[in-house]
Amino acid sequence: MCCVGLVRAYSKRSDLLNDLTVTLQSLSDAQARSLSEDLSHDRSVRESATLRPARGSRSLSDAQIQKLVRQFRSGTPKAKLAEQYGISLSTVKRLLKRHRDEG
């Protein structure tokens, strides 16, 4: 164990050894929980933002946009289109607004 040296150093001071043991156990428990849980719920907004793909990294071709517009006009929900094309719902709305006068 990585902390054996610390335990030996504190073994002559039982009050400090007890505090160290409790702290080490808490750290070990927290590490075990973090490995078993889905961390996406525990991330801050800043951390989540760094995990998102860069803006514009998933751009659609003109043919894909035209197909998306046709699918929407035939009744496919916006949320389903967003999932299908791997883009956000707001992007779908923006594309549909931009192409609403066509066709």
PDB file of N, CA and C in Angstrom:
ATOM      1  N   MET A   1       0.843  -1.189   0.000  1.00  0.00           N
ATOM      2  CA  MET A   1       0.000   0.000   0.000  1.00  0.00           C
ATOM      3  C   MET A   1       0.876   1.235   0.000  1.00  0.00           C
ATOM      4  N   CYS A   2       0.454   2.266  -0.666  1.00  0.00           N
ATOM      5  CA  CYS A   2       1.259   3.474  -0.827  1.00  0.00           C
ATOM      6  C   CYS A   2       1.425   4.256   0.472  1.00  0.00           C
ATOM      7  N   CYS A   3       0.603   4.024   1.428  1.00  0.00           N
ATOM      8  CA  CYS A   3       0.588   4.858   2.638  1.00  0.00           C
ATOM      9  C   CYS A   3       1.242   4.189   3.835  1.00  0.00           C
ATOM     10  N   VAL A   4       1.918   3.065   3.645  1.00  0.00           N
ATOM     11  CA  VAL A   4       2.545   2.352   4.752  1.00  0.00           C
ATOM     12  C   VAL A   4       3.562   3.231   5.448  1.00  0.00           C
ATOM     13  N   GLY A   5       4.327   3.990   4.680  1.00  0.00           N
ATOM     14  CA  GLY A   5       5.319   4.888   5.266  1.00  0.00           C
ATOM     15  C   GLY A   5       4.686   5.942   6.150  1.00  0.00           C
ATOM     16  N   LEU A   6       3.558   6.456   5.750  1.00  0.00           N
ATOM     17  CA  LEU A   6       2.850   7.439   6.568  1.00  0.00           C
ATOM     18  C   LEU A   6       2.352   6.820   7.860  1.00  0.00           C
ATOM     19  N   VAL A   7       1.820   5.623   7.775  1.00  0.00           N
ATOM     20  CA  VAL A   7       1.317   4.957   8.974  1.00  0.00           C
ATOM     21  C   VAL A   7       2.449   4.718   9.962  1.00  0.00           C
ATOM     22  N   ARG A   8       3.594   4.277   9.462  1.00  0.00           N
ATOM     23  CA  ARG A   8       4.742   4.063  10.353  1.00  0.00           C
ATOM     24  C   ARG A   8       5.191   5.368  11.001  1.00  0.00           C
ATOM     25  N   ALA A   9       5.204   6.443  10.229  1.00  0.00           N
ATOM     26  CA  ALA A   9       5.641   7.734  10.759  1.00  0.00           C
ATOM     27  C   ALA A   9       4.704   8.244  11.850  1.00  0.00           C
ATOM     28  N   TYR A  10       3.436   7.914  11.741  1.00  0.00           N
ATOM     29  CA  TYR A  10       2.463   8.391  12.715  1.00  0.00           C
ATOM     30  C   TYR A  10       2.150   7.347  13.793  1.00  0.00           C
ATOM     31  N   SER A  11       2.763   6.188  13.747  1.00  0.00           N
ATOM     32  CA  SER A  11       2.402   5.106  14.661  1.00  0.00           C
ATOM     33  C   SER A  11       2.743   5.401  16.115  1.00  0.00           C
ATOM     34  N   LYS A  12       3.652   6.323  16.378  1.00  0.00           N
ATOM     35  CA  LYS A  12       4.009   6.657  17.756  1.00  0.00           C
ATOM     36  C   LYS A  12       3.062   7.671  18.364  1.00  0.00           C
ATOM     37  N   ARG A  13       2.216   8.268  17.540  1.00  0.00           N
ATOM     38  CA  ARG A  13       1.225   9.244  18.017  1.00  0.00           C
ATOM     39  C   ARG A  13      -0.153   8.684  17.704  1.00  0.00           C
ATOM     40  N   SER A  14      -0.738   7.992  18.643  1.00  0.00           N
ATOM     41  CA  SER A  14      -1.996   7.303  18.389  1.00  0.00           C
ATOM     42  C   SER A  14      -3.114   8.262  17.992  1.00  0.00           C
ATOM     43  N   ASP A  15      -3.110   9.487  18.525  1.00  0.00           N
ATOM     44  CA  ASP A  15      -4.154  10.441  18.152  1.00  0.00           C
ATOM     45  C   ASP A  15      -4.040  10.828  16.675  1.00  0.00           C
ATOM     46  N   LEU A  16      -2.808  11.038  16.200  1.00  0.00           N
ATOM     47  CA  LEU A  16      -2.593  11.369  14.801  1.00  0.00           C
ATOM     48  C   LEU A  16      -2.808  10.150  13.905  1.00  0.00           C
ATOM     49  N   LEU A  17      -2.414   8.990  14.389  1.00  0.00           N
ATOM     50  CA  LEU A  17      -2.591   7.767  13.620  1.00  0.00           C
ATOM     51  C   LEU A  17      -4.070   7.494  13.376  1.00  0.00           C
ATOM     52  N   ASN A  18      -4.885   7.706  14.381  1.00  0.00           N
ATOM     53  CA  ASN A  18      -6.326   7.498  14.230  1.00  0.00           C
ATOM     54  C   ASN A  18      -6.896   8.451  13.178  1.00  0.00           C
ATOM     55  N   ASP A  19      -6.518   9.737  13.251  1.00  0.00           N
ATOM     56  CA  ASP A  19      -6.998  10.710  12.261  1.00  0.00           C
ATOM     57  C   ASP A  19      -6.551  10.333  10.857  1.00  0.00           C
ATOM     58  N   LEU A  20      -5.310   9.887  10.732  1.00  0.00           N
ATOM     59  CA  LEU A  20      -4.783   9.487   9.430  1.00  0.00           C
ATOM     60  C   LEU A  20      -5.522   8.270   8.893  1.00  0.00           C
ATOM     61  N   THR A  21      -5.775   7.312   9.756  1.00  0.00           N
ATOM     62  CA  THR A  21      -6.480   6.098   9.346  1.00  0.00           C
ATOM     63  C   THR A  21      -7.890   6.427   8.860  1.00  0.00           C
ATOM     64  N   VAL A  22      -8.589   7.284   9.579  1.00  0.00           N
ATOM     65  CA  VAL A  22      -9.941   7.685   9.183  1.00  0.00           C
ATOM     66  C   VAL A  22      -9.909   8.405   7.837  1.00  0.00           C
ATOM     67  N   THR A  23      -8.941   9.301   7.665  1.00  0.00           N
ATOM     68  CA  THR A  23      -8.818  10.049   6.414  1.00  0.00           C
ATOM     69  C   THR A  23      -8.503   9.123   5.248  1.00  0.00           C
ATOM     70  N   LEU A  24      -7.579   8.203   5.445  1.00  0.00           N
ATOM     71  CA  LEU A  24      -7.233   7.250   4.389  1.00  0.00           C
ATOM     72  C   LEU A  24      -8.423   6.378   4.009  1.00  0.00           C
ATOM     73  N   GLN A  25      -9.204   5.959   4.995  1.00  0.00           N
ATOM     74  CA  GLN A  25     -10.383   5.146   4.705  1.00  0.00           C
ATOM     75  C   GLN A  25     -11.410   5.952   3.923  1.00  0.00           C
ATOM     76  N   SER A  26     -11.590   7.228   4.292  1.00  0.00           N
ATOM     77  CA  SER A  26     -12.525   8.097   3.563  1.00  0.00           C
ATOM     78  C   SER A  26     -12.093   8.279   2.120  1.00  0.00           C
ATOM     79  N   LEU A  27     -10.807   8.479   1.914  1.00  0.00           N
ATOM     80  CA  LEU A  27     -10.287   8.624   0.554  1.00  0.00           C
ATOM     81  C   LEU A  27     -10.475   7.336  -0.247  1.00  0.00           C
ATOM     82  N   SER A  28     -10.214   6.220   0.381  1.00  0.00           N
ATOM     83  CA  SER A  28     -10.379   4.936  -0.289  1.00  0.00           C
ATOM     84  C   SER A  28     -11.836   4.694  -0.662  1.00  0.00           C
ATOM     85  N   ASP A  29     -12.755   5.013   0.240  1.00  0.00           N
ATOM     86  CA  ASP A  29     -14.183   4.855  -0.035  1.00  0.00           C
ATOM     87  C   ASP A  29     -14.620   5.767  -1.177  1.00  0.00           C
ATOM     88  N   ALA A  30     -14.149   7.006  -1.161  1.00  0.00           N
ATOM     89  CA  ALA A  30     -14.513   7.954  -2.215  1.00  0.00           C
ATOM     90  C   ALA A  30     -13.989   7.483  -3.564  1.00  0.00           C
ATOM     91  N   GLN A  31     -12.785   6.967  -3.589  1.00  0.00           N
ATOM     92  CA  GLN A  31     -12.217   6.467  -4.837  1.00  0.00           C
ATOM     93  C   GLN A  31     -13.012   5.274  -5.350  1.00  0.00           C
ATOM     94  N   ALA A  32     -13.400   4.383  -4.474  1.00  0.00           N
ATOM     95  CA  ALA A  32     -14.184   3.217  -4.881  1.00  0.00           C
ATOM     96  C   ALA A  32     -15.542   3.646  -5.437  1.00  0.00           C
ATOM     97  N   ARG A  33     -16.165   4.634  -4.788  1.00  0.00           N
ATOM     98  CA  ARG A  33     -17.456   5.127  -5.281  1.00  0.00           C
ATOM     99  C   ARG A  33     -17.302   5.773  -6.651  1.00  0.00           C
ATOM    100  N   SER A  34     -16.250   6.558  -6.828  1.00  0.00           N
ATOM    101  CA  SER A  34     -16.073   7.252  -8.107  1.00  0.00           C
ATOM    102  C   SER A  34     -15.819   6.276  -9.250  1.00  0.00           C
ATOM    103  N   LEU A  35     -15.216   5.146  -8.956  1.00  0.00           N
ATOM    104  CA  LEU A  35     -14.985   4.156  -9.995  1.00  0.00           C
ATOM    105  C   LEU A  35     -16.258   3.411 -10.361  1.00  0.00           C
ATOM    106  N   SER A  36     -17.179   3.291  -9.417  1.00  0.00           N
ATOM    107  CA  SER A  36     -18.377   2.502  -9.679  1.00  0.00           C
ATOM    108  C   SER A  36     -19.565   3.339 -10.134  1.00  0.00           C
ATOM    109  N   GLU A  37     -19.503   4.641  -9.944  1.00  0.00           N
ATOM    110  CA  GLU A  37     -20.625   5.501 -10.317  1.00  0.00           C
ATOM    111  C   GLU A  37     -20.381   6.170 -11.654  1.00  0.00           C
ATOM    112  N   ASP A  38     -21.462   6.579 -12.270  1.00  0.00           N
ATOM    113  CA  ASP A  38     -21.356   7.370 -13.491  1.00  0.00           C
ATOM    114  C   ASP A  38     -20.998   8.784 -13.072  1.00  0.00           C
ATOM    115  N   LEU A  39     -19.819   9.239 -13.439  1.00  0.00           N
ATOM    116  CA  LEU A  39     -19.328  10.536 -12.992  1.00  0.00           C
ATOM    117  C   LEU A  39     -19.975  11.716 -13.695  1.00  0.00           C
ATOM    118  N   SER A  40     -20.743  11.465 -14.742  1.00  0.00           N
ATOM    119  CA  SER A  40     -21.318  12.582 -15.476  1.00  0.00           C
ATOM    120  C   SER A  40     -22.228  13.432 -14.596  1.00  0.00           C
ATOM    121  N   HIS A  41     -22.816  12.834 -13.564  1.00  0.00           N
ATOM    122  CA  HIS A  41     -23.691  13.598 -12.681  1.00  0.00           C
ATOM    123  C   HIS A  41     -22.897  14.408 -11.671  1.00  0.00           C
ATOM    124  N   ASP A  42     -21.634  14.033 -11.451  1.00  0.00           N
ATOM    125  CA  ASP A  42     -20.831  14.697 -10.442  1.00  0.00           C
ATOM    126  C   ASP A  42     -19.930  15.785 -11.017  1.00  0.00           C
ATOM    127  N   ARG A  43     -19.942  15.948 -12.326  1.00  0.00           N
ATOM    128  CA  ARG A  43     -19.063  16.945 -12.936  1.00  0.00           C
ATOM    129  C   ARG A  43     -19.666  18.327 -12.845  1.00  0.00           C
ATOM    130  N   SER A  44     -18.808  19.295 -12.741  1.00  0.00           N
ATOM    131  CA  SER A  44     -19.279  20.676 -12.735  1.00  0.00           C
ATOM    132  C   SER A  44     -19.592  21.101 -14.172  1.00  0.00           C
ATOM    133  N   VAL A  45     -20.227  22.229 -14.299  1.00  0.00           N
ATOM    134  CA  VAL A  45     -20.558  22.753 -15.620  1.00  0.00           C
ATOM    135  C   VAL A  45     -19.281  22.981 -16.424  1.00  0.00           C
ATOM    136  N   ARG A  46     -18.271  23.513 -15.804  1.00  0.00           N
ATOM    137  CA  ARG A  46     -17.007  23.776 -16.498  1.00  0.00           C
ATOM    138  C   ARG A  46     -16.384  22.484 -17.011  1.00  0.00           C
ATOM    139  N   GLU A  47     -16.375  21.415 -16.188  1.00  0.00           N
ATOM    140  CA  GLU A  47     -15.811  20.148 -16.635  1.00  0.00           C
ATOM    141  C   GLU A  47     -16.613  19.565 -17.778  1.00  0.00           C
ATOM    142  N   SER A  48     -17.935  19.656 -17.708  1.00  0.00           N
ATOM    143  CA  SER A  48     -18.785  19.116 -18.760  1.00  0.00           C
ATOM    144  C   SER A  48     -18.542  19.846 -20.069  1.00  0.00           C
ATOM    145  N   ALA A  49     -18.353  21.145 -19.995  1.00  0.00           N
ATOM    146  CA  ALA A  49     -18.138  21.934 -21.203  1.00  0.00           C
ATOM    147  C   ALA A  49     -16.853  21.510 -21.909  1.00  0.00           C
ATOM    148  N   THR A  50     -15.853  21.112 -21.155  1.00  0.00           N
ATOM    149  CA  THR A  50     -14.599  20.723 -21.791  1.00  0.00           C
ATOM    150  C   THR A  50     -14.708  19.366 -22.463  1.00  0.00           C
ATOM    151  N   LEU A  51     -15.730  18.581 -22.116  1.00  0.00           N
ATOM    152  CA  LEU A  51     -15.888  17.267 -22.708  1.00  0.00           C
ATOM    153  C   LEU A  51     -16.713  17.294 -23.983  1.00  0.00           C
ATOM    154  N   ARG A  52     -17.414  18.388 -24.228  1.00  0.00           N
ATOM    155  CA  ARG A  52     -18.236  18.494 -25.427  1.00  0.00           C
ATOM    156  C   ARG A  52     -17.367  18.669 -26.654  1.00  0.00           C
ATOM    157  N   PRO A  53     -17.815  18.167 -27.781  1.00  0.00           N
ATOM    158  CA  PRO A  53     -17.066  18.419 -29.013  1.00  0.00           C
ATOM    159  C   PRO A  53     -17.054  19.916 -29.323  1.00  0.00           C
ATOM    160  N   ALA A  54     -16.034  20.348 -29.999  1.00  0.00           N
ATOM    161  CA  ALA A  54     -15.935  21.757 -30.353  1.00  0.00           C
ATOM    162  C   ALA A  54     -17.074  22.156 -31.279  1.00  0.00           C
ATOM    163  N   ARG A  55     -17.493  23.399 -31.179  1.00  0.00           N
ATOM    164  CA  ARG A  55     -18.571  23.909 -32.022  1.00  0.00           C
ATOM    165  C   ARG A  55     -18.210  23.718 -33.489  1.00  0.00           C
ATOM    166  N   GLY A  56     -19.165  23.206 -34.218  1.00  0.00           N
ATOM    167  CA  GLY A  56     -18.952  23.020 -35.643  1.00  0.00           C
ATOM    168  C   GLY A  56     -18.205  21.748 -36.004  1.00  0.00           C
ATOM    169  N   SER A  57     -17.849  20.956 -34.998  1.00  0.00           N
ATOM    170  CA  SER A  57     -17.108  19.739 -35.321  1.00  0.00           C
ATOM    171  C   SER A  57     -18.000  18.692 -35.976  1.00  0.00           C
ATOM    172  N   ARG A  58     -19.313  18.821 -35.829  1.00  0.00           N
ATOM    173  CA  ARG A  58     -20.258  17.884 -36.461  1.00  0.00           C
ATOM    174  C   ARG A  58     -21.156  18.686 -37.389  1.00  0.00           C
ATOM    175  N   SER A  59     -20.614  19.107 -38.503  1.00  0.00           N
ATOM    176  CA  SER A  59     -21.417  19.869 -39.444  1.00  0.00           C
ATOM    177  C   SER A  59     -22.050  18.915 -40.448  1.00  0.00           C
ATOM    178  N   LEU A  60     -23.216  19.298 -40.918  1.00  0.00           N
ATOM    179  CA  LEU A  60     -23.943  18.475 -41.870  1.00  0.00           C
ATOM    180  C   LEU A  60     -23.702  18.979 -43.281  1.00  0.00           C
ATOM    181  N   SER A  61     -23.698  18.052 -44.204  1.00  0.00           N
ATOM    182  CA  SER A  61     -23.576  18.440 -45.606  1.00  0.00           C
ATOM    183  C   SER A  61     -24.904  19.041 -46.065  1.00  0.00           C
ATOM    184  N   ASP A  62     -24.894  19.693 -47.218  1.00  0.00           N
ATOM    185  CA  ASP A  62     -26.125  20.262 -47.763  1.00  0.00           C
ATOM    186  C   ASP A  62     -27.163  19.175 -48.009  1.00  0.00           C
ATOM    187  N   ALA A  63     -26.712  18.022 -48.478  1.00  0.00           N
ATOM    188  CA  ALA A  63     -27.631  16.912 -48.736  1.00  0.00           C
ATOM    189  C   ALA A  63     -28.274  16.419 -47.437  1.00  0.00           C
ATOM    190  N   GLN A  64     -27.479  16.352 -46.366  1.00  0.00           N
ATOM    191  CA  GLN A  64     -28.021  15.926 -45.074  1.00  0.00           C
ATOM    192  C   GLN A  64     -29.037  16.934 -44.545  1.00  0.00           C
ATOM    193  N   ILE A  65     -28.741  18.210 -44.729  1.00  0.00           N
ATOM    194  CA  ILE A  65     -29.665  19.247 -44.264  1.00  0.00           C
ATOM    195  C   ILE A  65     -30.981  19.153 -45.026  1.00  0.00           C
ATOM    196  N   GLN A  66     -30.898  18.983 -46.330  1.00  0.00           N
ATOM    197  CA  GLN A  66     -32.118  18.858 -47.130  1.00  0.00           C
ATOM    198  C   GLN A  66     -32.934  17.627 -46.703  1.00  0.00           C
ATOM    199  N   LYS A  67     -32.243  16.531 -46.419  1.00  0.00           N
ATOM    200  CA  LYS A  67     -32.927  15.323 -45.960  1.00  0.00           C
ATOM    201  C   LYS A  67     -33.584  15.563 -44.601  1.00  0.00           C
ATOM    202  N   LEU A  68     -32.872  16.239 -43.701  1.00  0.00           N
ATOM    203  CA  LEU A  68     -33.419  16.567 -42.383  1.00  0.00           C
ATOM    204  C   LEU A  68     -34.698  17.390 -42.531  1.00  0.00           C
ATOM    205  N   VAL A  69     -34.665  18.399 -43.387  1.00  0.00           N
ATOM    206  CA  VAL A  69     -35.835  19.260 -43.613  1.00  0.00           C
ATOM    207  C   VAL A  69     -36.993  18.426 -44.158  1.00  0.00           C
ATOM    208  N   ARG A  70     -36.718  17.551 -45.116  1.00  0.00           N
ATOM    209  CA  ARG A  70     -37.777  16.694 -45.669  1.00  0.00           C
ATOM    210  C   ARG A  70     -38.372  15.772 -44.604  1.00  0.00           C
ATOM    211  N   GLN A  71     -37.497  15.201 -43.776  1.00  0.00           N
ATOM    212  CA  GLN A  71     -37.979  14.324 -42.711  1.00  0.00           C
ATOM    213  C   GLN A  71     -38.870  15.081 -41.734  1.00  0.00           C
ATOM    214  N   PHE A  72     -38.474  16.301 -41.399  1.00  0.00           N
ATOM    215  CA  PHE A  72     -39.296  17.100 -40.485  1.00  0.00           C
ATOM    216  C   PHE A  72     -40.661  17.397 -41.103  1.00  0.00           C
ATOM    217  N   ARG A  73     -40.660  17.763 -42.364  1.00  0.00           N
ATOM    218  CA  ARG A  73     -41.922  18.086 -43.051  1.00  0.00           C
ATOM    219  C   ARG A  73     -42.824  16.861 -43.186  1.00  0.00           C
ATOM    220  N   SER A  74     -42.215  15.673 -43.162  1.00  0.00           N
ATOM    221  CA  SER A  74     -43.035  14.459 -43.248  1.00  0.00           C
ATOM    222  C   SER A  74     -43.456  13.954 -41.864  1.00  0.00           C
ATOM    223  N   GLY A  75     -43.080  14.687 -40.805  1.00  0.00           N
ATOM    224  CA  GLY A  75     -43.596  14.358 -39.468  1.00  0.00           C
ATOM    225  C   GLY A  75     -42.603  13.861 -38.438  1.00  0.00           C
ATOM    226  N   THR A  76     -41.345  13.776 -38.777  1.00  0.00           N
ATOM    227  CA  THR A  76     -40.353  13.319 -37.796  1.00  0.00           C
ATOM    228  C   THR A  76     -40.126  14.414 -36.752  1.00  0.00           C
ATOM    229  N   PRO A  77     -40.221  14.077 -35.469  1.00  0.00           N
ATOM    230  CA  PRO A  77     -40.019  15.079 -34.413  1.00  0.00           C
ATOM    231  C   PRO A  77     -38.591  15.641 -34.416  1.00  0.00           C
ATOM    232  N   LYS A  78     -38.477  16.890 -33.996  1.00  0.00           N
ATOM    233  CA  LYS A  78     -37.174  17.568 -33.968  1.00  0.00           C
ATOM    234  C   LYS A  78     -36.174  16.831 -33.083  1.00  0.00           C
ATOM    235  N   ALA A  79     -36.630  16.355 -31.930  1.00  0.00           N
ATOM    236  CA  ALA A  79     -35.725  15.658 -31.008  1.00  0.00           C
ATOM    237  C   ALA A  79     -35.160  14.388 -31.643  1.00  0.00           C
ATOM    238  N   LYS A  80     -35.994  13.680 -32.382  1.00  0.00           N
ATOM    239  CA  LYS A  80     -35.526  12.463 -33.055  1.00  0.00           C
ATOM    240  C   LYS A  80     -34.507  12.809 -34.143  1.00  0.00           C
ATOM    241  N   LEU A  81     -34.746  13.907 -34.854  1.00  0.00           N
ATOM    242  CA  LEU A  81     -33.793  14.342 -35.883  1.00  0.00           C
ATOM    243  C   LEU A  81     -32.447  14.707 -35.255  1.00  0.00           C
ATOM    244  N   ALA A  82     -32.503  15.404 -34.119  1.00  0.00           N
ATOM    245  CA  ALA A  82     -31.261  15.783 -33.431  1.00  0.00           C
ATOM    246  C   ALA A  82     -30.459  14.543 -33.065  1.00  0.00           C
ATOM    247  N   GLU A  83     -31.129  13.549 -32.527  1.00  0.00           N
ATOM    248  CA  GLU A  83     -30.452  12.308 -32.149  1.00  0.00           C
ATOM    249  C   GLU A  83     -29.915  11.578 -33.372  1.00  0.00           C
ATOM    250  N   GLN A  84     -30.719  11.504 -34.404  1.00  0.00           N
ATOM    251  CA  GLN A  84     -30.334  10.785 -35.621  1.00  0.00           C
ATOM    252  C   GLN A  84     -29.096  11.386 -36.274  1.00  0.00           C
ATOM    253  N   TYR A  85     -29.021  12.712 -36.296  1.00  0.00           N
ATOM    254  CA  TYR A  85     -27.902  13.380 -36.969  1.00  0.00           C
ATOM    255  C   TYR A  85     -26.754  13.740 -36.026  1.00  0.00           C
ATOM    256  N   GLY A  86     -26.926  13.460 -34.744  1.00  0.00           N
ATOM    257  CA  GLY A  86     -25.858  13.731 -33.781  1.00  0.00           C
ATOM    258  C   GLY A  86     -25.618  15.209 -33.554  1.00  0.00           C
ATOM    259  N   ILE A  87     -26.699  15.986 -33.586  1.00  0.00           N
ATOM    260  CA  ILE A  87     -26.600  17.434 -33.368  1.00  0.00           C
ATOM    261  C   ILE A  87     -27.586  17.818 -32.268  1.00  0.00           C
ATOM    262  N   SER A  88     -27.460  19.022 -31.771  1.00  0.00           N
ATOM    263  CA  SER A  88     -28.342  19.467 -30.699  1.00  0.00           C
ATOM    264  C   SER A  88     -29.719  19.847 -31.238  1.00  0.00           C
ATOM    265  N   LEU A  89     -30.674  19.862 -30.332  1.00  0.00           N
ATOM    266  CA  LEU A  89     -32.028  20.259 -30.697  1.00  0.00           C
ATOM    267  C   LEU A  89     -32.042  21.707 -31.195  1.00  0.00           C
ATOM    268  N   SER A  90     -31.257  22.558 -30.569  1.00  0.00           N
ATOM    269  CA  SER A  90     -31.213  23.957 -31.014  1.00  0.00           C
ATOM    270  C   SER A  90     -30.644  24.077 -32.431  1.00  0.00           C
ATOM    271  N   THR A  91     -29.707  23.211 -32.782  1.00  0.00           N
ATOM    272  CA  THR A  91     -29.171  23.212 -34.148  1.00  0.00           C
ATOM    273  C   THR A  91     -30.239  22.792 -35.146  1.00  0.00           C
ATOM    274  N   VAL A  92     -31.021  21.781 -34.779  1.00  0.00           N
ATOM    275  CA  VAL A  92     -32.119  21.351 -35.650  1.00  0.00           C
ATOM    276  C   VAL A  92     -33.086  22.515 -35.861  1.00  0.00           C
ATOM    277  N   LYS A  93     -33.459  23.181 -34.784  1.00  0.00           N
ATOM    278  CA  LYS A  93     -34.395  24.305 -34.882  1.00  0.00           C
ATOM    279  C   LYS A  93     -33.823  25.414 -35.765  1.00  0.00           C
ATOM    280  N   ARG A  94     -32.531  25.694 -35.590  1.00  0.00           N
ATOM    281  CA  ARG A  94     -31.889  26.735 -36.387  1.00  0.00           C
ATOM    282  C   ARG A  94     -31.892  26.371 -37.869  1.00  0.00           C
ATOM    283  N   LEU A  95     -31.570  25.113 -38.172  1.00  0.00           N
ATOM    284  CA  LEU A  95     -31.559  24.671 -39.570  1.00  0.00           C
ATOM    285  C   LEU A  95     -32.954  24.731 -40.181  1.00  0.00           C
ATOM    286  N   LEU A  96     -33.953  24.308 -39.436  1.00  0.00           N
ATOM    287  CA  LEU A  96     -35.322  24.347 -39.947  1.00  0.00           C
ATOM    288  C   LEU A  96     -35.794  25.783 -40.169  1.00  0.00           C
ATOM    289  N   LYS A  97     -35.433  26.659 -39.254  1.00  0.00           N
ATOM    290  CA  LYS A  97     -35.811  28.069 -39.417  1.00  0.00           C
ATOM    291  C   LYS A  97     -35.151  28.655 -40.659  1.00  0.00           C
ATOM    292  N   ARG A  98     -33.876  28.309 -40.854  1.00  0.00           N
ATOM    293  CA  ARG A  98     -33.130  28.817 -42.001  1.00  0.00           C
ATOM    294  C   ARG A  98     -33.706  28.301 -43.323  1.00  0.00           C
ATOM    295  N   HIS A  99     -34.316  27.124 -43.324  1.00  0.00           N
ATOM    296  CA  HIS A  99     -34.812  26.491 -44.547  1.00  0.00           C
ATOM    297  C   HIS A  99     -36.342  26.427 -44.626  1.00  0.00           C
ATOM    298  N   ARG A 100     -37.027  27.199 -43.814  1.00  0.00           N
ATOM    299  CA  ARG A 100     -38.495  27.090 -43.783  1.00  0.00           C
ATOM    300  C   ARG A 100     -39.172  27.613 -45.043  1.00  0.00           C
ATOM    301  N   ASP A 101     -38.544  28.528 -45.756  1.00  0.00           N
ATOM    302  CA  ASP A 101     -39.163  29.097 -46.951  1.00  0.00           C
ATOM    303  C   ASP A 101     -38.877  28.270 -48.198  1.00  0.00           C
ATOM    304  N   GLU A 102     -38.001  27.283 -48.069  1.00  0.00           N
ATOM    305  CA  GLU A 102     -37.665  26.451 -49.229  1.00  0.00           C
ATOM    306  C   GLU A 102     -38.659  25.303 -49.358  1.00  0.00           C
ATOM    307  N   GLY A 103     -38.815  24.815 -50.548  1.00  0.00           N
ATOM    308  CA  GLY A 103     -39.578  23.598 -50.777  1.00  0.00           C
ATOM    309  C   GLY A 103     -41.034  23.811 -50.720  1.00  0.00           C
TER     310      GLY A 103
END
